[in-house]
Amino acid sequence: MPIDAAKATSAEPRTTELAWDHKDVQLYHLGIGAGAATPEKPHPATDPGELRYTLERALHVLPSFATVAGGGMALAGGLSAPGIDVELAAVLHGGQSVTVHRPLPVRGRATQTSTVPAVYDKGHTRSNAAVIVLRSEVADQDGPLWTCDTQIFVRGEGGFGGARGPATRLELPSRAPDLTTERHLREDQALLYRLSGDWNPLHADPDFARLAGFDRPILHGLCSYGVTLKAVVDLALGGDVSRVRAYTTRFAGVVFPGETLRLRIWREAPEPGRIQVAVTAADRDDAPVLADTVIDHT
């Protein structure tokens, strides 16, 4: 079997050294739309709040940068774990969470420790899939920085007799959203975002995209993830990235470069200190993009 769940979950933790500086942070922010006009910021190049994402002397770091910092791509790391040997064309990003232990520095050197805490068997579903959960814990000389949990969905690799895993879904609030906004994605958004380290050809190569079952390249799920967090920080958290404590989502559908994301945002949902978001593709009758999306904050 391409996936040996017992071997993957019992393997020794793997460590990787990470390093990044302001250029990596700025490139990531540009890849998720910093500096682009939005309904709230028609002149972003000179907007003081926007310059905190793009100008080195004023820079702060969006917590979702943790998913790409130092080239430590969690998705790629999961595919190289012991006991896992799958075809890249069969892989989709199923879900992502980031827990921030303290604000991310603009420049850093850190150690990433990676494990596979679970491999779930979704062989009973139509897609006959396996879900690999990869945990990445990152710390520098001053202590823990962040923890990432990444769910990797591998089509056609279920049916190995493993546990099904949790099947939790978060209901949207019954009331109207507190905020609704849209974020237009550039035609070259995926080409720009992949410079932060996710080189999967699914996001750039039309031939590879067709092999994976898509008629054209799709946007990285983590790009939509970053676009969403930036919008929430800007609109609901006063532009203060340090207020974010944790951010979780499930990737519910694909996005194509050039489309527009519609974000519906609920404050204090389902409880104080928590924001819930629903993200859809405005150009395709609000097809789901991100679901079960929650930001915990101070």
C-alpha atoms as a PDB file:
ATOM      1  CA  MET A   1       0.000   0.000   0.000  1.00  0.00           C
ATOM      2  CA  PRO A   2       1.292   3.528  -0.762  1.00  0.00           C
ATOM      3  CA  ILE A   3       0.237   4.592   2.757  1.00  0.00           C
ATOM      4  CA  ASP A   4       1.420   2.640   5.802  1.00  0.00           C
ATOM      5  CA  ALA A   5      -0.517   4.398   8.558  1.00  0.00           C
ATOM      6  CA  ALA A   6       1.205   2.583  11.415  1.00  0.00           C
ATOM      7  CA  LYS A   7       4.662   3.423  10.075  1.00  0.00           C
ATOM      8  CA  ALA A   8       3.723   7.063   9.449  1.00  0.00           C
ATOM      9  CA  THR A   9       2.273   7.690  12.904  1.00  0.00           C
ATOM     10  CA  SER A  10       5.046   5.857  14.799  1.00  0.00           C
ATOM     11  CA  ALA A  11       7.976   7.430  12.949  1.00  0.00           C
ATOM     12  CA  GLU A  12      10.478   9.565  14.807  1.00  0.00           C
ATOM     13  CA  PRO A  13       9.828  13.328  14.597  1.00  0.00           C
ATOM     14  CA  ARG A  14      11.634  15.008  11.720  1.00  0.00           C
ATOM     15  CA  THR A  15      13.320  18.372  12.195  1.00  0.00           C
ATOM     16  CA  THR A  16      13.996  21.119   9.669  1.00  0.00           C
ATOM     17  CA  GLU A  17      15.797  24.410  10.139  1.00  0.00           C
ATOM     18  CA  LEU A  18      13.825  27.447   8.972  1.00  0.00           C
ATOM     19  CA  ALA A  19      14.995  30.982   8.252  1.00  0.00           C
ATOM     20  CA  TRP A  20      13.180  34.010   6.837  1.00  0.00           C
ATOM     21  CA  ASP A  21      13.491  37.768   6.599  1.00  0.00           C
ATOM     22  CA  HIS A  22      11.438  40.805   5.581  1.00  0.00           C
ATOM     23  CA  LYS A  23      11.606  39.941   1.867  1.00  0.00           C
ATOM     24  CA  ASP A  24       9.911  36.577   2.473  1.00  0.00           C
ATOM     25  CA  VAL A  25       7.207  38.263   4.556  1.00  0.00           C
ATOM     26  CA  GLN A  26       6.594  40.961   1.952  1.00  0.00           C
ATOM     27  CA  LEU A  27       6.453  38.423  -0.893  1.00  0.00           C
ATOM     28  CA  TYR A  28       3.936  36.338   1.024  1.00  0.00           C
ATOM     29  CA  HIS A  29       1.774  39.378   1.755  1.00  0.00           C
ATOM     30  CA  LEU A  30       1.849  40.395  -1.926  1.00  0.00           C
ATOM     31  CA  GLY A  31       0.915  36.813  -2.861  1.00  0.00           C
ATOM     32  CA  ILE A  32      -2.291  37.047  -0.812  1.00  0.00           C
ATOM     33  CA  GLY A  33      -3.284  40.434  -2.206  1.00  0.00           C
ATOM     34  CA  ALA A  34      -1.530  43.052  -0.084  1.00  0.00           C
ATOM     35  CA  GLY A  35      -1.191  46.270  -2.067  1.00  0.00           C
ATOM     36  CA  ALA A  36      -4.216  45.488  -4.243  1.00  0.00           C
ATOM     37  CA  ALA A  37      -7.305  47.689  -4.183  1.00  0.00           C
ATOM     38  CA  THR A  38     -10.295  46.488  -2.145  1.00  0.00           C
ATOM     39  CA  PRO A  39     -13.746  47.987  -1.568  1.00  0.00           C
ATOM     40  CA  GLU A  40     -12.433  49.405   1.717  1.00  0.00           C
ATOM     41  CA  LYS A  41      -9.028  50.578   0.424  1.00  0.00           C
ATOM     42  CA  PRO A  42      -9.251  52.046  -3.090  1.00  0.00           C
ATOM     43  CA  HIS A  43      -5.701  53.481  -2.833  1.00  0.00           C
ATOM     44  CA  PRO A  44      -3.706  50.728  -1.085  1.00  0.00           C
ATOM     45  CA  ALA A  45      -0.233  51.785  -2.214  1.00  0.00           C
ATOM     46  CA  THR A  46      -0.282  54.723   0.207  1.00  0.00           C
ATOM     47  CA  ASP A  47      -2.743  53.503   2.837  1.00  0.00           C
ATOM     48  CA  PRO A  48      -0.929  53.445   6.228  1.00  0.00           C
ATOM     49  CA  GLY A  49      -2.613  50.212   7.283  1.00  0.00           C
ATOM     50  CA  GLU A  50      -1.699  48.505   4.023  1.00  0.00           C
ATOM     51  CA  LEU A  51       1.914  49.637   4.229  1.00  0.00           C
ATOM     52  CA  ARG A  52       2.269  47.457   7.334  1.00  0.00           C
ATOM     53  CA  TYR A  53       2.105  44.501   4.940  1.00  0.00           C
ATOM     54  CA  THR A  54       4.353  45.877   2.216  1.00  0.00           C
ATOM     55  CA  LEU A  55       6.890  48.385   3.582  1.00  0.00           C
ATOM     56  CA  GLU A  56       9.876  47.022   5.499  1.00  0.00           C
ATOM     57  CA  ARG A  57      10.189  49.874   8.001  1.00  0.00           C
ATOM     58  CA  ALA A  58       6.564  49.390   9.142  1.00  0.00           C
ATOM     59  CA  LEU A  59       6.221  45.646   8.647  1.00  0.00           C
ATOM     60  CA  HIS A  60       4.165  43.270  10.752  1.00  0.00           C
ATOM     61  CA  VAL A  61       3.603  39.563  10.008  1.00  0.00           C
ATOM     62  CA  LEU A  62       0.225  37.992   9.305  1.00  0.00           C
ATOM     63  CA  PRO A  63       0.012  34.735  11.326  1.00  0.00           C
ATOM     64  CA  SER A  64      -0.849  32.669   8.239  1.00  0.00           C
ATOM     65  CA  PHE A  65       2.745  33.330   7.089  1.00  0.00           C
ATOM     66  CA  ALA A  66       3.533  30.389   9.389  1.00  0.00           C
ATOM     67  CA  THR A  67       2.337  28.056   6.611  1.00  0.00           C
ATOM     68  CA  VAL A  68       5.209  29.101   4.312  1.00  0.00           C
ATOM     69  CA  ALA A  69       7.916  30.515   6.614  1.00  0.00           C
ATOM     70  CA  GLY A  70      11.400  29.405   5.658  1.00  0.00           C
ATOM     71  CA  GLY A  71      10.062  27.210   2.884  1.00  0.00           C
ATOM     72  CA  GLY A  72       8.722  24.834   5.534  1.00  0.00           C
ATOM     73  CA  MET A  73       5.677  23.895   3.489  1.00  0.00           C
ATOM     74  CA  ALA A  74       3.600  21.568   5.642  1.00  0.00           C
ATOM     75  CA  LEU A  75       1.863  19.987   2.642  1.00  0.00           C
ATOM     76  CA  ALA A  76       5.150  18.990   0.994  1.00  0.00           C
ATOM     77  CA  GLY A  77       6.533  17.723   4.302  1.00  0.00           C
ATOM     78  CA  GLY A  78       3.597  15.390   4.760  1.00  0.00           C
ATOM     79  CA  LEU A  79       4.202  13.748   1.408  1.00  0.00           C
ATOM     80  CA  SER A  80       7.790  12.894   2.380  1.00  0.00           C
ATOM     81  CA  ALA A  81       6.901  11.360   5.749  1.00  0.00           C
ATOM     82  CA  PRO A  82       7.890   7.715   6.388  1.00  0.00           C
ATOM     83  CA  GLY A  83       5.170   5.300   5.302  1.00  0.00           C
ATOM     84  CA  ILE A  84       3.673   7.712   2.755  1.00  0.00           C
ATOM     85  CA  ASP A  85       4.221   7.349  -0.994  1.00  0.00           C
ATOM     86  CA  VAL A  86       1.439   8.918  -3.047  1.00  0.00           C
ATOM     87  CA  GLU A  87       0.982  10.539  -6.439  1.00  0.00           C
ATOM     88  CA  LEU A  88       1.029  14.344  -6.309  1.00  0.00           C
ATOM     89  CA  ALA A  89      -1.857  14.516  -8.789  1.00  0.00           C
ATOM     90  CA  ALA A  90      -4.069  12.690  -6.262  1.00  0.00           C
ATOM     91  CA  VAL A  91      -3.384  15.172  -3.457  1.00  0.00           C
ATOM     92  CA  LEU A  92      -5.590  18.036  -2.283  1.00  0.00           C
ATOM     93  CA  HIS A  93      -5.267  20.205   0.792  1.00  0.00           C
ATOM     94  CA  GLY A  94      -8.174  19.270   3.057  1.00  0.00           C
ATOM     95  CA  GLY A  95      -7.824  21.640   6.000  1.00  0.00           C
ATOM     96  CA  GLN A  96      -5.439  23.881   7.902  1.00  0.00           C
ATOM     97  CA  SER A  97      -5.015  25.315  11.362  1.00  0.00           C
ATOM     98  CA  VAL A  98      -2.395  27.647  12.812  1.00  0.00           C
ATOM     99  CA  THR A  99      -2.019  28.314  16.528  1.00  0.00           C
ATOM    100  CA  VAL A 100       0.214  31.295  17.329  1.00  0.00           C
ATOM    101  CA  HIS A 101       2.134  31.212  20.623  1.00  0.00           C
ATOM    102  CA  ARG A 102       3.487  34.754  20.225  1.00  0.00           C
ATOM    103  CA  PRO A 103       3.702  37.328  17.397  1.00  0.00           C
ATOM    104  CA  LEU A 104       5.749  36.154  14.430  1.00  0.00           C
ATOM    105  CA  PRO A 105       9.019  38.070  13.977  1.00  0.00           C
ATOM    106  CA  VAL A 106       9.850  39.813  10.709  1.00  0.00           C
ATOM    107  CA  ARG A 107      13.204  38.001  10.688  1.00  0.00           C
ATOM    108  CA  GLY A 108      13.750  34.626  12.265  1.00  0.00           C
ATOM    109  CA  ARG A 109      15.632  31.370  12.557  1.00  0.00           C
ATOM    110  CA  ALA A 110      13.761  28.433  14.035  1.00  0.00           C
ATOM    111  CA  THR A 111      13.464  24.651  14.171  1.00  0.00           C
ATOM    112  CA  GLN A 112      10.411  22.896  12.781  1.00  0.00           C
ATOM    113  CA  THR A 113       9.510  19.503  14.259  1.00  0.00           C
ATOM    114  CA  SER A 114       7.107  17.446  12.126  1.00  0.00           C
ATOM    115  CA  THR A 115       5.032  14.404  13.041  1.00  0.00           C
ATOM    116  CA  VAL A 116       2.034  12.540  11.606  1.00  0.00           C
ATOM    117  CA  PRO A 117      -0.399  12.214  14.531  1.00  0.00           C
ATOM    118  CA  ALA A 118      -3.094  10.467  12.454  1.00  0.00           C
ATOM    119  CA  VAL A 119      -3.978   8.919   9.112  1.00  0.00           C
ATOM    120  CA  TYR A 120      -7.718   8.539   8.551  1.00  0.00           C
ATOM    121  CA  ASP A 121      -9.453   6.094   6.224  1.00  0.00           C
ATOM    122  CA  LYS A 122     -12.262   7.607   4.165  1.00  0.00           C
ATOM    123  CA  GLY A 123     -12.586   4.486   2.011  1.00  0.00           C
ATOM    124  CA  HIS A 124     -16.323   4.367   2.630  1.00  0.00           C
ATOM    125  CA  THR A 125     -16.819   7.634   0.744  1.00  0.00           C
ATOM    126  CA  ARG A 126     -17.269   8.120  -2.990  1.00  0.00           C
ATOM    127  CA  SER A 127     -13.715   9.465  -3.303  1.00  0.00           C
ATOM    128  CA  ASN A 128     -12.186   6.471  -1.465  1.00  0.00           C
ATOM    129  CA  ALA A 129      -9.648   8.781   0.141  1.00  0.00           C
ATOM    130  CA  ALA A 130      -7.083   8.819   2.909  1.00  0.00           C
ATOM    131  CA  VAL A 131      -6.536  11.904   5.074  1.00  0.00           C
ATOM    132  CA  ILE A 132      -3.032  12.462   6.427  1.00  0.00           C
ATOM    133  CA  VAL A 133      -2.729  14.806   9.403  1.00  0.00           C
ATOM    134  CA  LEU A 134       0.656  16.487   9.677  1.00  0.00           C
ATOM    135  CA  ARG A 135       1.646  18.496  12.740  1.00  0.00           C
ATOM    136  CA  SER A 136       4.477  21.037  12.545  1.00  0.00           C
ATOM    137  CA  GLU A 137       5.702  22.675  15.760  1.00  0.00           C
ATOM    138  CA  VAL A 138       8.092  25.591  15.366  1.00  0.00           C
ATOM    139  CA  ALA A 139      10.294  27.148  18.041  1.00  0.00           C
ATOM    140  CA  ASP A 140      13.258  29.521  18.152  1.00  0.00           C
ATOM    141  CA  GLN A 141      15.776  30.246  20.883  1.00  0.00           C
ATOM    142  CA  ASP A 142      13.100  32.110  22.854  1.00  0.00           C
ATOM    143  CA  GLY A 143      10.605  29.248  22.825  1.00  0.00           C
ATOM    144  CA  PRO A 144       7.536  28.092  20.833  1.00  0.00           C
ATOM    145  CA  LEU A 145       6.394  30.265  17.939  1.00  0.00           C
ATOM    146  CA  TRP A 146       3.525  28.395  16.287  1.00  0.00           C
ATOM    147  CA  THR A 147       1.882  25.012  15.699  1.00  0.00           C
ATOM    148  CA  CYS A 148       0.360  24.014  12.350  1.00  0.00           C
ATOM    149  CA  ASP A 149      -1.985  21.093  11.711  1.00  0.00           C
ATOM    150  CA  THR A 150      -2.386  20.252   8.038  1.00  0.00           C
ATOM    151  CA  GLN A 151      -4.899  17.780   6.608  1.00  0.00           C
ATOM    152  CA  ILE A 152      -3.794  16.236   3.324  1.00  0.00           C
ATOM    153  CA  PHE A 153      -6.578  14.594   1.293  1.00  0.00           C
ATOM    154  CA  VAL A 154      -5.326  11.779  -0.978  1.00  0.00           C
ATOM    155  CA  ARG A 155      -7.892  10.505  -3.466  1.00  0.00           C
ATOM    156  CA  GLY A 156      -8.055   6.784  -4.141  1.00  0.00           C
ATOM    157  CA  GLU A 157      -5.951   5.763  -1.134  1.00  0.00           C
ATOM    158  CA  GLY A 158      -8.676   4.823   1.356  1.00  0.00           C
ATOM    159  CA  GLY A 159      -9.851   1.351   2.236  1.00  0.00           C
ATOM    160  CA  PHE A 160      -6.822   0.311   4.292  1.00  0.00           C
ATOM    161  CA  GLY A 161      -8.861  -0.453   7.408  1.00  0.00           C
ATOM    162  CA  GLY A 162      -7.980   2.592   9.474  1.00  0.00           C
ATOM    163  CA  ALA A 163     -10.105   4.816  11.708  1.00  0.00           C
ATOM    164  CA  ARG A 164     -12.573   7.073   9.929  1.00  0.00           C
ATOM    165  CA  GLY A 165     -11.616  10.117  12.019  1.00  0.00           C
ATOM    166  CA  PRO A 166     -13.752  13.008  13.252  1.00  0.00           C
ATOM    167  CA  ALA A 167     -16.527  14.399  11.067  1.00  0.00           C
ATOM    168  CA  THR A 168     -17.368  17.701  12.685  1.00  0.00           C
ATOM    169  CA  ARG A 169     -19.094  20.504  10.820  1.00  0.00           C
ATOM    170  CA  LEU A 170     -19.661  24.023  12.150  1.00  0.00           C
ATOM    171  CA  GLU A 171     -23.089  25.531  11.538  1.00  0.00           C
ATOM    172  CA  LEU A 172     -23.212  29.126  10.355  1.00  0.00           C
ATOM    173  CA  PRO A 173     -24.955  31.630  12.639  1.00  0.00           C
ATOM    174  CA  SER A 174     -28.659  32.048  11.898  1.00  0.00           C
ATOM    175  CA  ARG A 175     -28.371  35.853  11.924  1.00  0.00           C
ATOM    176  CA  ALA A 176     -27.094  38.066   9.128  1.00  0.00           C
ATOM    177  CA  PRO A 177     -23.295  38.516   8.971  1.00  0.00           C
ATOM    178  CA  ASP A 178     -21.787  41.535  10.688  1.00  0.00           C
ATOM    179  CA  LEU A 179     -19.583  42.238   7.668  1.00  0.00           C
ATOM    180  CA  THR A 180     -19.625  41.217   4.026  1.00  0.00           C
ATOM    181  CA  THR A 181     -16.808  42.008   1.625  1.00  0.00           C
ATOM    182  CA  GLU A 182     -15.230  40.784  -1.594  1.00  0.00           C
ATOM    183  CA  ARG A 183     -11.652  40.157  -2.642  1.00  0.00           C
ATOM    184  CA  HIS A 184     -10.833  39.976  -6.339  1.00  0.00           C
ATOM    185  CA  LEU A 185      -8.008  37.585  -7.248  1.00  0.00           C
ATOM    186  CA  ARG A 186      -5.508  38.454  -9.949  1.00  0.00           C
ATOM    187  CA  GLU A 187      -5.197  36.238 -13.022  1.00  0.00           C
ATOM    188  CA  ASP A 188      -1.584  35.624 -11.998  1.00  0.00           C
ATOM    189  CA  GLN A 189      -2.369  35.207  -8.278  1.00  0.00           C
ATOM    190  CA  ALA A 190      -1.253  31.569  -8.164  1.00  0.00           C
ATOM    191  CA  LEU A 191       1.958  32.336 -10.072  1.00  0.00           C
ATOM    192  CA  LEU A 192       2.817  35.015  -7.517  1.00  0.00           C
ATOM    193  CA  TYR A 193       1.785  33.019  -4.460  1.00  0.00           C
ATOM    194  CA  ARG A 194       3.803  29.933  -5.446  1.00  0.00           C
ATOM    195  CA  LEU A 195       7.021  32.001  -5.154  1.00  0.00           C
ATOM    196  CA  SER A 196       6.596  31.637  -1.388  1.00  0.00           C
ATOM    197  CA  GLY A 197       7.480  27.954  -1.774  1.00  0.00           C
ATOM    198  CA  ASP A 198       4.492  25.862  -2.876  1.00  0.00           C
ATOM    199  CA  TRP A 199       5.700  24.654  -6.279  1.00  0.00           C
ATOM    200  CA  ASN A 200       2.911  22.133  -6.919  1.00  0.00           C
ATOM    201  CA  PRO A 201       2.375  22.323 -10.725  1.00  0.00           C
ATOM    202  CA  LEU A 202      -1.375  21.991 -10.140  1.00  0.00           C
ATOM    203  CA  HIS A 203      -1.361  25.764  -9.644  1.00  0.00           C
ATOM    204  CA  ALA A 204       0.574  26.707 -12.776  1.00  0.00           C
ATOM    205  CA  ASP A 205       0.735  23.938 -15.395  1.00  0.00           C
ATOM    206  CA  PRO A 206      -2.446  23.390 -17.464  1.00  0.00           C
ATOM    207  CA  ASP A 207      -1.372  19.890 -18.492  1.00  0.00           C
ATOM    208  CA  PHE A 208      -0.801  18.835 -14.892  1.00  0.00           C
ATOM    209  CA  ALA A 209      -4.097  20.426 -13.836  1.00  0.00           C
ATOM    210  CA  ARG A 210      -5.939  18.330 -16.453  1.00  0.00           C
ATOM    211  CA  LEU A 211      -4.166  15.215 -15.161  1.00  0.00           C
ATOM    212  CA  ALA A 212      -5.522  16.051 -11.711  1.00  0.00           C
ATOM    213  CA  GLY A 213      -9.058  16.459 -13.098  1.00  0.00           C
ATOM    214  CA  PHE A 214      -9.281  20.245 -13.537  1.00  0.00           C
ATOM    215  CA  ASP A 215      -9.711  22.091 -16.809  1.00  0.00           C
ATOM    216  CA  ARG A 216      -7.153  24.712 -15.764  1.00  0.00           C
ATOM    217  CA  PRO A 217      -4.798  25.462 -12.850  1.00  0.00           C
ATOM    218  CA  ILE A 218      -6.465  26.206  -9.544  1.00  0.00           C
ATOM    219  CA  LEU A 219      -5.464  28.608  -6.781  1.00  0.00           C
ATOM    220  CA  HIS A 220      -3.631  27.307  -3.718  1.00  0.00           C
ATOM    221  CA  GLY A 221      -6.022  26.713  -0.839  1.00  0.00           C
ATOM    222  CA  LEU A 222      -3.501  28.401   1.427  1.00  0.00           C
ATOM    223  CA  CYS A 223      -3.669  31.523  -0.727  1.00  0.00           C
ATOM    224  CA  SER A 224      -7.427  31.795  -0.112  1.00  0.00           C
ATOM    225  CA  TYR A 225      -6.634  31.064   3.540  1.00  0.00           C
ATOM    226  CA  GLY A 226      -4.251  34.020   3.711  1.00  0.00           C
ATOM    227  CA  VAL A 227      -6.548  36.356   1.767  1.00  0.00           C
ATOM    228  CA  THR A 228      -9.323  35.587   4.241  1.00  0.00           C
ATOM    229  CA  LEU A 229      -7.254  36.139   7.380  1.00  0.00           C
ATOM    230  CA  LYS A 230      -5.927  39.452   6.071  1.00  0.00           C
ATOM    231  CA  ALA A 231      -9.475  40.663   5.391  1.00  0.00           C
ATOM    232  CA  VAL A 232     -10.626  39.649   8.877  1.00  0.00           C
ATOM    233  CA  VAL A 233      -7.647  41.330  10.563  1.00  0.00           C
ATOM    234  CA  ASP A 234      -8.175  44.518   8.563  1.00  0.00           C
ATOM    235  CA  LEU A 235     -11.952  44.724   8.978  1.00  0.00           C
ATOM    236  CA  ALA A 236     -12.711  43.103  12.331  1.00  0.00           C
ATOM    237  CA  LEU A 237      -9.495  43.268  14.395  1.00  0.00           C
ATOM    238  CA  GLY A 238      -8.413  46.854  13.789  1.00  0.00           C
ATOM    239  CA  GLY A 239      -5.512  45.813  11.550  1.00  0.00           C
ATOM    240  CA  ASP A 240      -3.710  44.281  14.551  1.00  0.00           C
ATOM    241  CA  VAL A 241      -2.179  40.911  13.576  1.00  0.00           C
ATOM    242  CA  SER A 242      -1.045  40.293  17.164  1.00  0.00           C
ATOM    243  CA  ARG A 243      -4.668  39.777  18.243  1.00  0.00           C
ATOM    244  CA  VAL A 244      -4.907  36.483  16.300  1.00  0.00           C
ATOM    245  CA  ARG A 245      -4.434  33.405  18.491  1.00  0.00           C
ATOM    246  CA  ALA A 246      -5.585  30.590  16.199  1.00  0.00           C
ATOM    247  CA  TYR A 247      -7.048  30.191  12.726  1.00  0.00           C
ATOM    248  CA  THR A 248      -8.752  27.051  11.392  1.00  0.00           C
ATOM    249  CA  THR A 249     -10.462  26.205   8.115  1.00  0.00           C
ATOM    250  CA  ARG A 250     -11.667  23.357   5.933  1.00  0.00           C
ATOM    251  CA  PHE A 251     -11.057  23.691   2.184  1.00  0.00           C
ATOM    252  CA  ALA A 252     -14.536  23.103   0.775  1.00  0.00           C
ATOM    253  CA  GLY A 253     -14.053  23.885  -2.918  1.00  0.00           C
ATOM    254  CA  VAL A 254     -11.661  25.103  -5.574  1.00  0.00           C
ATOM    255  CA  VAL A 255     -10.916  28.663  -6.638  1.00  0.00           C
ATOM    256  CA  PHE A 256      -9.608  29.736 -10.026  1.00  0.00           C
ATOM    257  CA  PRO A 257      -7.276  32.710 -10.461  1.00  0.00           C
ATOM    258  CA  GLY A 258      -9.196  35.753 -11.666  1.00  0.00           C
ATOM    259  CA  GLU A 259     -12.304  34.965  -9.606  1.00  0.00           C
ATOM    260  CA  THR A 260     -13.714  36.989  -6.721  1.00  0.00           C
ATOM    261  CA  LEU A 261     -14.047  35.672  -3.187  1.00  0.00           C
ATOM    262  CA  ARG A 262     -17.072  36.734  -1.144  1.00  0.00           C
ATOM    263  CA  LEU A 263     -16.480  36.774   2.623  1.00  0.00           C
ATOM    264  CA  ARG A 264     -19.260  36.802   5.210  1.00  0.00           C
ATOM    265  CA  ILE A 265     -17.944  37.560   8.699  1.00  0.00           C
ATOM    266  CA  TRP A 266     -19.648  37.076  12.074  1.00  0.00           C
ATOM    267  CA  ARG A 267     -18.122  38.602  15.216  1.00  0.00           C
ATOM    268  CA  GLU A 268     -18.366  36.759  18.553  1.00  0.00           C
ATOM    269  CA  ALA A 269     -19.576  33.626  16.817  1.00  0.00           C
ATOM    270  CA  PRO A 270     -20.133  31.121  18.171  1.00  0.00           C
ATOM    271  CA  GLU A 271     -18.773  32.807  21.348  1.00  0.00           C
ATOM    272  CA  PRO A 272     -16.851  35.930  22.478  1.00  0.00           C
ATOM    273  CA  GLY A 273     -13.264  36.087  21.279  1.00  0.00           C
ATOM    274  CA  ARG A 274     -14.132  34.148  18.163  1.00  0.00           C
ATOM    275  CA  ILE A 275     -14.914  35.169  14.585  1.00  0.00           C
ATOM    276  CA  GLN A 276     -16.592  32.855  12.092  1.00  0.00           C
ATOM    277  CA  VAL A 277     -16.218  33.279   8.340  1.00  0.00           C
ATOM    278  CA  ALA A 278     -17.829  31.744   5.259  1.00  0.00           C
ATOM    279  CA  VAL A 279     -15.963  32.155   1.967  1.00  0.00           C
ATOM    280  CA  THR A 280     -17.547  31.508  -1.416  1.00  0.00           C
ATOM    281  CA  ALA A 281     -16.803  32.034  -5.111  1.00  0.00           C
ATOM    282  CA  ALA A 282     -18.922  35.048  -6.049  1.00  0.00           C
ATOM    283  CA  ASP A 283     -18.549  34.298  -9.782  1.00  0.00           C
ATOM    284  CA  ARG A 284     -19.976  30.765  -9.435  1.00  0.00           C
ATOM    285  CA  ASP A 285     -23.230  31.280  -7.531  1.00  0.00           C
ATOM    286  CA  ASP A 286     -21.403  31.410  -4.190  1.00  0.00           C
ATOM    287  CA  ALA A 287     -19.917  27.930  -4.488  1.00  0.00           C
ATOM    288  CA  PRO A 288     -18.242  27.046  -1.159  1.00  0.00           C
ATOM    289  CA  VAL A 289     -14.505  27.779  -0.860  1.00  0.00           C
ATOM    290  CA  LEU A 290     -13.662  27.828   2.871  1.00  0.00           C
ATOM    291  CA  ALA A 291     -15.932  26.260   5.484  1.00  0.00           C
ATOM    292  CA  ASP A 292     -15.780  25.649   9.240  1.00  0.00           C
ATOM    293  CA  THR A 293     -13.582  28.748   9.389  1.00  0.00           C
ATOM    294  CA  VAL A 294     -12.847  30.258  12.806  1.00  0.00           C
ATOM    295  CA  ILE A 295     -10.402  32.904  14.089  1.00  0.00           C
ATOM    296  CA  ASP A 296      -9.740  32.955  17.834  1.00  0.00           C
ATOM    297  CA  HIS A 297      -8.518  36.342  19.050  1.00  0.00           C
ATOM    298  CA  THR A 298      -7.908  38.613  22.005  1.00  0.00           C
END
